[in-house]
Amino acid sequence: MSKVSPCLWFNGEAEEAANFYVSLLPDSRIDRIQRNIVDGIAGKAGTVLVVDFTLGGQSYMALNGGMKMEHSYAVSFMINCVDQAEVDRLWDTLLANGGKADQCGWLRDRFGVSWQIVPAEFRDYIGGPDKAGAARAMKAMLGMIKLDIDAMRKAYEGKSAA
């Protein structure tokens, strides 16, 4: 278990969300489900209170806190993807059933949790040693919704109109 673990607040959806998240990446699993022992603000006795889960090797906790709390872009979870196919798969999966896309590789899933779906070489282009190329890649990225690593590479190399 990690010494520091994010806790995600839900209103009755903790188990559903955790099961969805662990379906996304290898080295992911549900570790423990704790149920309410008595009726209380977080739910009736026997309902799920906390789900401890591992996502991509990182431990998390999903809590049914008993009231609706909004998630914010101030905290998001970034997934570094090995290639465009992984970007596409995760992007589509996280948007399914009510997620909302934003620009620059950001989205909110159907639970309102913020994610950044990023190709691994993303920083090589926006922070590369060629400052003019990095500026072109950044400009290209700022015009994207889902990140397209080939378009960013072409912009960095000066092979596109971006």
N, C-alpha and C. Protein backbone atom coordinates (compact mmCIF):
# COMPACT_ATOMS: atom_id res chain seq x y z
N MET A 1 0.84 -1.19 0.00
CA MET A 1 0.00 0.00 0.00
C MET A 1 0.88 1.25 0.00
N SER A 2 0.48 2.24 -0.77
CA SER A 2 1.20 3.50 -0.81
C SER A 2 1.03 4.26 0.49
N LYS A 3 2.03 5.02 0.85
CA LYS A 3 1.94 5.84 2.06
C LYS A 3 0.91 6.96 1.88
N VAL A 4 0.82 7.49 0.67
CA VAL A 4 -0.15 8.54 0.35
C VAL A 4 -1.07 8.00 -0.74
N SER A 5 -2.36 8.06 -0.50
CA SER A 5 -3.35 7.56 -1.47
C SER A 5 -4.46 8.58 -1.64
N PRO A 6 -4.83 8.88 -2.89
CA PRO A 6 -5.97 9.76 -3.12
C PRO A 6 -7.27 9.10 -2.63
N CYS A 7 -8.14 9.91 -2.08
CA CYS A 7 -9.48 9.47 -1.68
C CYS A 7 -10.48 10.21 -2.56
N LEU A 8 -11.28 9.47 -3.29
CA LEU A 8 -12.30 10.05 -4.17
C LEU A 8 -13.66 9.94 -3.50
N TRP A 9 -14.37 11.03 -3.41
CA TRP A 9 -15.66 11.10 -2.74
C TRP A 9 -16.78 10.86 -3.75
N PHE A 10 -17.67 9.96 -3.40
CA PHE A 10 -18.84 9.66 -4.23
C PHE A 10 -20.08 9.68 -3.36
N ASN A 11 -21.23 9.68 -4.00
CA ASN A 11 -22.50 9.63 -3.30
C ASN A 11 -23.23 8.35 -3.71
N GLY A 12 -22.73 7.22 -3.20
CA GLY A 12 -23.35 5.94 -3.50
C GLY A 12 -22.77 5.21 -4.69
N GLU A 13 -21.77 5.80 -5.38
CA GLU A 13 -21.21 5.21 -6.60
C GLU A 13 -19.80 4.69 -6.43
N ALA A 14 -19.29 4.62 -5.21
CA ALA A 14 -17.88 4.26 -4.98
C ALA A 14 -17.53 2.90 -5.58
N GLU A 15 -18.34 1.90 -5.34
CA GLU A 15 -18.02 0.57 -5.85
C GLU A 15 -18.11 0.53 -7.38
N GLU A 16 -19.13 1.14 -7.95
CA GLU A 16 -19.27 1.18 -9.40
C GLU A 16 -18.07 1.90 -10.03
N ALA A 17 -17.69 3.04 -9.46
CA ALA A 17 -16.56 3.80 -9.99
C ALA A 17 -15.26 3.00 -9.88
N ALA A 18 -15.01 2.42 -8.72
CA ALA A 18 -13.77 1.65 -8.53
C ALA A 18 -13.71 0.48 -9.51
N ASN A 19 -14.81 -0.22 -9.71
CA ASN A 19 -14.83 -1.33 -10.67
C ASN A 19 -14.55 -0.83 -12.09
N PHE A 20 -15.09 0.32 -12.44
CA PHE A 20 -14.83 0.92 -13.75
C PHE A 20 -13.35 1.27 -13.88
N TYR A 21 -12.79 1.93 -12.89
CA TYR A 21 -11.39 2.36 -12.97
C TYR A 21 -10.44 1.17 -13.07
N VAL A 22 -10.67 0.11 -12.30
CA VAL A 22 -9.74 -1.02 -12.35
C VAL A 22 -9.82 -1.77 -13.68
N SER A 23 -10.89 -1.53 -14.45
CA SER A 23 -10.99 -2.16 -15.77
C SER A 23 -10.12 -1.45 -16.80
N LEU A 24 -9.58 -0.29 -16.47
CA LEU A 24 -8.86 0.53 -17.44
C LEU A 24 -7.43 0.11 -17.70
N LEU A 25 -6.72 -0.29 -16.64
CA LEU A 25 -5.27 -0.46 -16.73
C LEU A 25 -4.80 -1.77 -16.12
N PRO A 26 -3.68 -2.30 -16.63
CA PRO A 26 -3.07 -3.46 -15.96
C PRO A 26 -2.61 -3.06 -14.55
N ASP A 27 -2.32 -4.04 -13.73
CA ASP A 27 -1.89 -3.84 -12.34
C ASP A 27 -2.95 -3.04 -11.56
N SER A 28 -4.20 -3.40 -11.79
CA SER A 28 -5.33 -2.75 -11.13
C SER A 28 -6.25 -3.80 -10.54
N ARG A 29 -6.83 -3.51 -9.39
CA ARG A 29 -7.69 -4.48 -8.72
C ARG A 29 -8.46 -3.82 -7.58
N ILE A 30 -9.55 -4.45 -7.19
CA ILE A 30 -10.25 -4.07 -5.95
C ILE A 30 -9.51 -4.79 -4.82
N ASP A 31 -9.09 -4.04 -3.83
CA ASP A 31 -8.34 -4.62 -2.71
C ASP A 31 -9.23 -4.94 -1.52
N ARG A 32 -10.23 -4.10 -1.27
CA ARG A 32 -11.06 -4.30 -0.08
C ARG A 32 -12.33 -3.47 -0.21
N ILE A 33 -13.42 -4.03 0.25
CA ILE A 33 -14.68 -3.30 0.33
C ILE A 33 -15.12 -3.31 1.78
N GLN A 34 -15.34 -2.11 2.31
CA GLN A 34 -15.82 -1.97 3.69
C GLN A 34 -17.26 -1.48 3.64
N ARG A 35 -18.11 -2.15 4.37
CA ARG A 35 -19.53 -1.79 4.39
C ARG A 35 -19.88 -1.03 5.67
N ASN A 36 -20.91 -0.23 5.58
CA ASN A 36 -21.42 0.47 6.77
C ASN A 36 -21.90 -0.56 7.78
N ILE A 37 -21.52 -0.38 9.00
CA ILE A 37 -21.92 -1.30 10.07
C ILE A 37 -23.28 -0.89 10.64
N VAL A 38 -23.54 0.40 10.66
CA VAL A 38 -24.81 0.93 11.17
C VAL A 38 -25.37 1.93 10.16
N ASP A 39 -26.65 2.23 10.28
CA ASP A 39 -27.23 3.29 9.47
C ASP A 39 -26.59 4.61 9.88
N GLY A 40 -26.30 5.45 8.91
CA GLY A 40 -25.69 6.75 9.23
C GLY A 40 -25.72 7.67 8.04
N ILE A 41 -25.01 8.77 8.15
CA ILE A 41 -24.99 9.79 7.11
C ILE A 41 -24.45 9.24 5.79
N ALA A 42 -23.56 8.26 5.85
CA ALA A 42 -22.95 7.70 4.64
C ALA A 42 -23.75 6.54 4.05
N GLY A 43 -24.88 6.18 4.65
CA GLY A 43 -25.71 5.14 4.07
C GLY A 43 -26.25 4.17 5.10
N LYS A 44 -27.05 3.26 4.63
CA LYS A 44 -27.68 2.24 5.47
C LYS A 44 -26.68 1.15 5.82
N ALA A 45 -26.90 0.48 6.92
CA ALA A 45 -26.08 -0.66 7.31
C ALA A 45 -26.04 -1.66 6.15
N GLY A 46 -24.84 -2.15 5.85
CA GLY A 46 -24.66 -3.13 4.78
C GLY A 46 -24.30 -2.53 3.44
N THR A 47 -24.53 -1.22 3.24
CA THR A 47 -24.15 -0.60 1.97
C THR A 47 -22.65 -0.29 1.98
N VAL A 48 -22.12 -0.10 0.81
CA VAL A 48 -20.68 0.15 0.68
C VAL A 48 -20.33 1.53 1.23
N LEU A 49 -19.33 1.56 2.10
CA LEU A 49 -18.80 2.81 2.64
C LEU A 49 -17.50 3.18 1.92
N VAL A 50 -16.55 2.23 1.86
CA VAL A 50 -15.22 2.49 1.31
C VAL A 50 -14.81 1.34 0.40
N VAL A 51 -14.20 1.69 -0.71
CA VAL A 51 -13.57 0.70 -1.59
C VAL A 51 -12.10 1.09 -1.73
N ASP A 52 -11.22 0.21 -1.27
CA ASP A 52 -9.79 0.40 -1.49
C ASP A 52 -9.46 -0.33 -2.78
N PHE A 53 -8.78 0.37 -3.69
CA PHE A 53 -8.44 -0.25 -4.96
C PHE A 53 -7.07 0.22 -5.43
N THR A 54 -6.51 -0.55 -6.34
CA THR A 54 -5.23 -0.23 -6.94
C THR A 54 -5.47 0.03 -8.42
N LEU A 55 -4.95 1.15 -8.90
CA LEU A 55 -5.10 1.53 -10.30
C LEU A 55 -3.71 1.77 -10.86
N GLY A 56 -3.29 0.91 -11.78
CA GLY A 56 -1.97 1.05 -12.37
C GLY A 56 -0.85 1.03 -11.35
N GLY A 57 -1.04 0.25 -10.27
CA GLY A 57 -0.03 0.13 -9.24
C GLY A 57 -0.13 1.16 -8.12
N GLN A 58 -1.00 2.15 -8.23
CA GLN A 58 -1.18 3.20 -7.22
C GLN A 58 -2.44 2.90 -6.41
N SER A 59 -2.35 3.00 -5.10
CA SER A 59 -3.52 2.75 -4.27
C SER A 59 -4.42 3.99 -4.21
N TYR A 60 -5.72 3.72 -4.15
CA TYR A 60 -6.76 4.75 -4.07
C TYR A 60 -7.82 4.27 -3.08
N MET A 61 -8.62 5.22 -2.64
CA MET A 61 -9.80 4.88 -1.86
C MET A 61 -10.98 5.62 -2.47
N ALA A 62 -12.08 4.92 -2.62
CA ALA A 62 -13.34 5.52 -3.05
C ALA A 62 -14.27 5.48 -1.85
N LEU A 63 -14.81 6.62 -1.50
CA LEU A 63 -15.64 6.78 -0.31
C LEU A 63 -17.04 7.21 -0.71
N ASN A 64 -18.06 6.51 -0.20
CA ASN A 64 -19.43 6.99 -0.33
C ASN A 64 -19.67 7.91 0.87
N GLY A 65 -19.55 9.21 0.63
CA GLY A 65 -19.57 10.18 1.72
C GLY A 65 -20.94 10.61 2.20
N GLY A 66 -22.00 10.19 1.52
CA GLY A 66 -23.34 10.49 2.00
C GLY A 66 -23.97 11.74 1.43
N MET A 67 -23.23 12.48 0.62
CA MET A 67 -23.80 13.65 -0.05
C MET A 67 -23.02 13.90 -1.33
N LYS A 68 -23.59 14.63 -2.23
CA LYS A 68 -22.95 14.95 -3.51
C LYS A 68 -21.86 15.99 -3.29
N MET A 69 -20.66 15.68 -3.75
CA MET A 69 -19.54 16.63 -3.73
C MET A 69 -19.00 16.70 -5.15
N GLU A 70 -18.73 17.89 -5.62
CA GLU A 70 -18.22 18.06 -6.98
C GLU A 70 -16.72 17.83 -7.03
N HIS A 71 -16.30 17.07 -8.04
CA HIS A 71 -14.87 16.93 -8.31
C HIS A 71 -14.44 18.16 -9.10
N SER A 72 -13.16 18.46 -9.08
CA SER A 72 -12.65 19.68 -9.70
C SER A 72 -11.47 19.37 -10.61
N TYR A 73 -11.26 20.22 -11.62
CA TYR A 73 -10.07 20.10 -12.45
C TYR A 73 -8.81 20.45 -11.66
N ALA A 74 -8.97 21.02 -10.47
CA ALA A 74 -7.80 21.34 -9.65
C ALA A 74 -7.05 20.08 -9.25
N VAL A 75 -7.73 18.94 -9.26
CA VAL A 75 -7.09 17.64 -9.05
C VAL A 75 -7.55 16.74 -10.18
N SER A 76 -6.58 16.19 -10.90
CA SER A 76 -6.90 15.27 -11.99
C SER A 76 -5.91 14.11 -11.95
N PHE A 77 -6.24 13.07 -12.66
CA PHE A 77 -5.39 11.89 -12.73
C PHE A 77 -4.87 11.78 -14.16
N MET A 78 -3.55 11.79 -14.28
CA MET A 78 -2.92 11.74 -15.59
C MET A 78 -2.49 10.31 -15.88
N ILE A 79 -2.84 9.85 -17.07
CA ILE A 79 -2.39 8.54 -17.52
C ILE A 79 -1.44 8.76 -18.68
N ASN A 80 -0.19 8.33 -18.51
CA ASN A 80 0.81 8.37 -19.57
C ASN A 80 0.63 7.13 -20.44
N CYS A 81 0.26 7.35 -21.68
CA CYS A 81 -0.07 6.25 -22.60
C CYS A 81 1.12 5.91 -23.49
N VAL A 82 1.29 4.63 -23.76
CA VAL A 82 2.44 4.17 -24.54
C VAL A 82 2.33 4.55 -26.01
N ASP A 83 1.11 4.71 -26.53
CA ASP A 83 0.95 5.05 -27.94
C ASP A 83 -0.44 5.65 -28.16
N GLN A 84 -0.69 6.05 -29.40
CA GLN A 84 -1.98 6.68 -29.73
C GLN A 84 -3.13 5.71 -29.54
N ALA A 85 -2.90 4.42 -29.80
CA ALA A 85 -3.98 3.44 -29.61
C ALA A 85 -4.43 3.41 -28.15
N GLU A 86 -3.49 3.50 -27.22
CA GLU A 86 -3.88 3.52 -25.81
C GLU A 86 -4.59 4.83 -25.46
N VAL A 87 -4.12 5.94 -26.00
CA VAL A 87 -4.81 7.23 -25.81
C VAL A 87 -6.26 7.09 -26.28
N ASP A 88 -6.44 6.56 -27.48
CA ASP A 88 -7.78 6.44 -28.07
C ASP A 88 -8.67 5.53 -27.22
N ARG A 89 -8.14 4.38 -26.80
CA ARG A 89 -8.93 3.42 -26.01
C ARG A 89 -9.36 4.03 -24.68
N LEU A 90 -8.42 4.62 -23.95
CA LEU A 90 -8.76 5.21 -22.65
C LEU A 90 -9.69 6.41 -22.80
N TRP A 91 -9.44 7.23 -23.79
CA TRP A 91 -10.28 8.40 -24.05
C TRP A 91 -11.73 7.97 -24.27
N ASP A 92 -11.91 7.02 -25.17
CA ASP A 92 -13.26 6.55 -25.48
C ASP A 92 -13.92 5.88 -24.28
N THR A 93 -13.18 5.09 -23.54
CA THR A 93 -13.74 4.38 -22.39
C THR A 93 -14.13 5.35 -21.29
N LEU A 94 -13.28 6.31 -21.00
CA LEU A 94 -13.59 7.27 -19.94
C LEU A 94 -14.74 8.20 -20.32
N LEU A 95 -14.92 8.46 -21.59
CA LEU A 95 -16.03 9.32 -22.03
C LEU A 95 -17.36 8.59 -22.14
N ALA A 96 -17.31 7.26 -22.19
CA ALA A 96 -18.54 6.48 -22.38
C ALA A 96 -19.54 6.74 -21.26
N ASN A 97 -20.79 6.70 -21.60
CA ASN A 97 -21.89 6.78 -20.64
C ASN A 97 -21.95 8.09 -19.87
N GLY A 98 -21.63 9.18 -20.54
CA GLY A 98 -21.85 10.48 -19.91
C GLY A 98 -20.62 11.28 -19.56
N GLY A 99 -19.43 10.84 -19.96
CA GLY A 99 -18.23 11.66 -19.74
C GLY A 99 -18.26 12.89 -20.63
N LYS A 100 -17.40 13.85 -20.32
CA LYS A 100 -17.36 15.09 -21.10
C LYS A 100 -15.91 15.43 -21.44
N ALA A 101 -15.65 15.62 -22.74
CA ALA A 101 -14.32 15.98 -23.22
C ALA A 101 -14.08 17.46 -23.03
N ASP A 102 -12.84 17.80 -22.79
CA ASP A 102 -12.40 19.18 -22.73
C ASP A 102 -11.20 19.28 -23.65
N GLN A 103 -10.54 20.41 -23.67
CA GLN A 103 -9.41 20.53 -24.58
C GLN A 103 -8.11 20.07 -23.94
N CYS A 104 -7.11 19.90 -24.78
CA CYS A 104 -5.73 19.59 -24.36
C CYS A 104 -5.59 18.26 -23.64
N GLY A 105 -6.41 17.27 -24.00
CA GLY A 105 -6.29 15.95 -23.42
C GLY A 105 -6.99 15.75 -22.10
N TRP A 106 -7.79 16.72 -21.67
CA TRP A 106 -8.51 16.63 -20.41
C TRP A 106 -9.93 16.15 -20.66
N LEU A 107 -10.47 15.43 -19.68
CA LEU A 107 -11.87 15.03 -19.72
C LEU A 107 -12.36 14.77 -18.31
N ARG A 108 -13.67 14.69 -18.21
CA ARG A 108 -14.32 14.25 -16.96
C ARG A 108 -15.07 12.98 -17.30
N ASP A 109 -14.91 11.97 -16.45
CA ASP A 109 -15.64 10.74 -16.68
C ASP A 109 -17.08 10.91 -16.20
N ARG A 110 -17.87 9.86 -16.32
CA ARG A 110 -19.30 9.95 -15.96
C ARG A 110 -19.53 10.22 -14.48
N PHE A 111 -18.49 10.04 -13.65
CA PHE A 111 -18.60 10.32 -12.21
C PHE A 111 -18.14 11.74 -11.89
N GLY A 112 -17.65 12.46 -12.89
CA GLY A 112 -17.18 13.82 -12.69
C GLY A 112 -15.71 13.94 -12.33
N VAL A 113 -14.99 12.81 -12.32
CA VAL A 113 -13.57 12.82 -11.99
C VAL A 113 -12.77 13.27 -13.21
N SER A 114 -11.78 14.13 -12.99
CA SER A 114 -10.97 14.70 -14.07
C SER A 114 -9.77 13.83 -14.39
N TRP A 115 -9.52 13.67 -15.68
CA TRP A 115 -8.40 12.86 -16.17
C TRP A 115 -7.66 13.62 -17.26
N GLN A 116 -6.38 13.36 -17.36
CA GLN A 116 -5.55 13.81 -18.48
C GLN A 116 -5.03 12.55 -19.17
N ILE A 117 -5.36 12.39 -20.44
CA ILE A 117 -4.94 11.22 -21.20
C ILE A 117 -3.84 11.70 -22.14
N VAL A 118 -2.60 11.30 -21.82
CA VAL A 118 -1.42 11.92 -22.42
C VAL A 118 -0.50 10.87 -23.05
N PRO A 119 -0.11 11.06 -24.31
CA PRO A 119 0.90 10.18 -24.88
C PRO A 119 2.23 10.36 -24.15
N ALA A 120 2.97 9.28 -23.97
CA ALA A 120 4.22 9.32 -23.19
C ALA A 120 5.19 10.37 -23.72
N GLU A 121 5.28 10.55 -25.04
CA GLU A 121 6.25 11.50 -25.59
C GLU A 121 5.75 12.94 -25.66
N PHE A 122 4.60 13.20 -25.11
CA PHE A 122 4.01 14.54 -25.07
C PHE A 122 5.01 15.60 -24.61
N ARG A 123 5.67 15.36 -23.50
CA ARG A 123 6.61 16.36 -22.95
C ARG A 123 7.86 16.49 -23.80
N ASP A 124 8.21 15.45 -24.55
CA ASP A 124 9.37 15.56 -25.45
C ASP A 124 9.13 16.63 -26.50
N TYR A 125 7.87 16.81 -26.89
CA TYR A 125 7.56 17.80 -27.92
C TYR A 125 7.29 19.18 -27.33
N ILE A 126 6.50 19.29 -26.30
CA ILE A 126 6.21 20.64 -25.78
C ILE A 126 7.36 21.19 -24.93
N GLY A 127 8.29 20.33 -24.55
CA GLY A 127 9.43 20.78 -23.77
C GLY A 127 10.76 20.37 -24.38
N GLY A 128 10.73 20.09 -25.69
CA GLY A 128 11.94 19.62 -26.37
C GLY A 128 13.00 20.71 -26.48
N PRO A 129 14.22 20.31 -26.86
CA PRO A 129 15.33 21.26 -26.94
C PRO A 129 15.18 22.30 -28.05
N ASP A 130 14.41 21.98 -29.08
CA ASP A 130 14.16 22.94 -30.17
C ASP A 130 13.01 23.85 -29.70
N LYS A 131 13.36 25.05 -29.27
CA LYS A 131 12.35 25.96 -28.69
C LYS A 131 11.27 26.34 -29.71
N ALA A 132 11.66 26.56 -30.95
CA ALA A 132 10.66 26.88 -31.97
C ALA A 132 9.75 25.67 -32.21
N GLY A 133 10.34 24.47 -32.23
CA GLY A 133 9.55 23.25 -32.39
C GLY A 133 8.61 23.05 -31.21
N ALA A 134 9.10 23.31 -30.00
CA ALA A 134 8.27 23.18 -28.80
C ALA A 134 7.10 24.17 -28.85
N ALA A 135 7.37 25.37 -29.33
CA ALA A 135 6.29 26.37 -29.45
C ALA A 135 5.25 25.91 -30.46
N ARG A 136 5.70 25.34 -31.59
CA ARG A 136 4.74 24.83 -32.59
C ARG A 136 3.93 23.67 -32.02
N ALA A 137 4.59 22.77 -31.29
CA ALA A 137 3.88 21.63 -30.68
C ALA A 137 2.87 22.11 -29.65
N MET A 138 3.25 23.11 -28.84
CA MET A 138 2.33 23.65 -27.84
C MET A 138 1.13 24.29 -28.52
N LYS A 139 1.37 25.05 -29.57
CA LYS A 139 0.27 25.67 -30.31
C LYS A 139 -0.67 24.60 -30.88
N ALA A 140 -0.08 23.54 -31.43
CA ALA A 140 -0.91 22.45 -31.97
C ALA A 140 -1.72 21.81 -30.85
N MET A 141 -1.08 21.54 -29.72
CA MET A 141 -1.77 20.91 -28.59
C MET A 141 -2.92 21.77 -28.08
N LEU A 142 -2.72 23.07 -28.02
CA LEU A 142 -3.77 23.97 -27.53
C LEU A 142 -5.02 23.96 -28.40
N GLY A 143 -4.89 23.52 -29.65
CA GLY A 143 -6.04 23.42 -30.54
C GLY A 143 -6.71 22.05 -30.53
N MET A 144 -6.19 21.13 -29.73
CA MET A 144 -6.71 19.76 -29.70
C MET A 144 -7.70 19.55 -28.57
N ILE A 145 -8.57 18.59 -28.76
CA ILE A 145 -9.40 18.07 -27.67
C ILE A 145 -8.65 16.83 -27.16
N LYS A 146 -8.77 15.72 -27.86
CA LYS A 146 -7.96 14.53 -27.56
C LYS A 146 -6.58 14.76 -28.17
N LEU A 147 -5.53 14.44 -27.42
CA LEU A 147 -4.18 14.66 -27.92
C LEU A 147 -3.85 13.68 -29.04
N ASP A 148 -3.25 14.21 -30.09
CA ASP A 148 -2.83 13.45 -31.26
C ASP A 148 -1.32 13.56 -31.36
N ILE A 149 -0.63 12.50 -30.95
CA ILE A 149 0.83 12.57 -30.86
C ILE A 149 1.49 12.74 -32.22
N ASP A 150 0.92 12.17 -33.27
CA ASP A 150 1.51 12.33 -34.60
C ASP A 150 1.43 13.79 -35.04
N ALA A 151 0.31 14.44 -34.79
CA ALA A 151 0.16 15.85 -35.15
C ALA A 151 1.12 16.72 -34.33
N MET A 152 1.32 16.37 -33.05
CA MET A 152 2.26 17.13 -32.23
C MET A 152 3.69 16.93 -32.72
N ARG A 153 4.05 15.70 -33.11
CA ARG A 153 5.39 15.43 -33.63
C ARG A 153 5.62 16.22 -34.91
N LYS A 154 4.63 16.20 -35.81
CA LYS A 154 4.77 16.94 -37.07
C LYS A 154 4.91 18.44 -36.80
N ALA A 155 4.15 18.96 -35.86
CA ALA A 155 4.27 20.38 -35.51
C ALA A 155 5.66 20.67 -34.97
N TYR A 156 6.15 19.82 -34.09
CA TYR A 156 7.48 20.00 -33.51
C TYR A 156 8.54 20.01 -34.62
N GLU A 157 8.41 19.11 -35.57
CA GLU A 157 9.38 18.98 -36.64
C GLU A 157 9.19 20.03 -37.74
N GLY A 158 8.13 20.85 -37.64
CA GLY A 158 7.87 21.87 -38.65
C GLY A 158 7.27 21.32 -39.92
N LYS A 159 6.61 20.16 -39.82
CA LYS A 159 6.04 19.50 -41.00
C LYS A 159 4.53 19.68 -41.09
N SER A 160 3.98 20.64 -40.33
CA SER A 160 2.55 20.89 -40.39
C SER A 160 2.31 22.39 -40.34
N ALA A 161 1.06 22.78 -40.54
CA ALA A 161 0.70 24.19 -40.54
C ALA A 161 0.55 24.76 -39.14
N ALA A 162 0.63 23.91 -38.09
CA ALA A 162 0.42 24.38 -36.72
C ALA A 162 1.47 25.34 -36.25
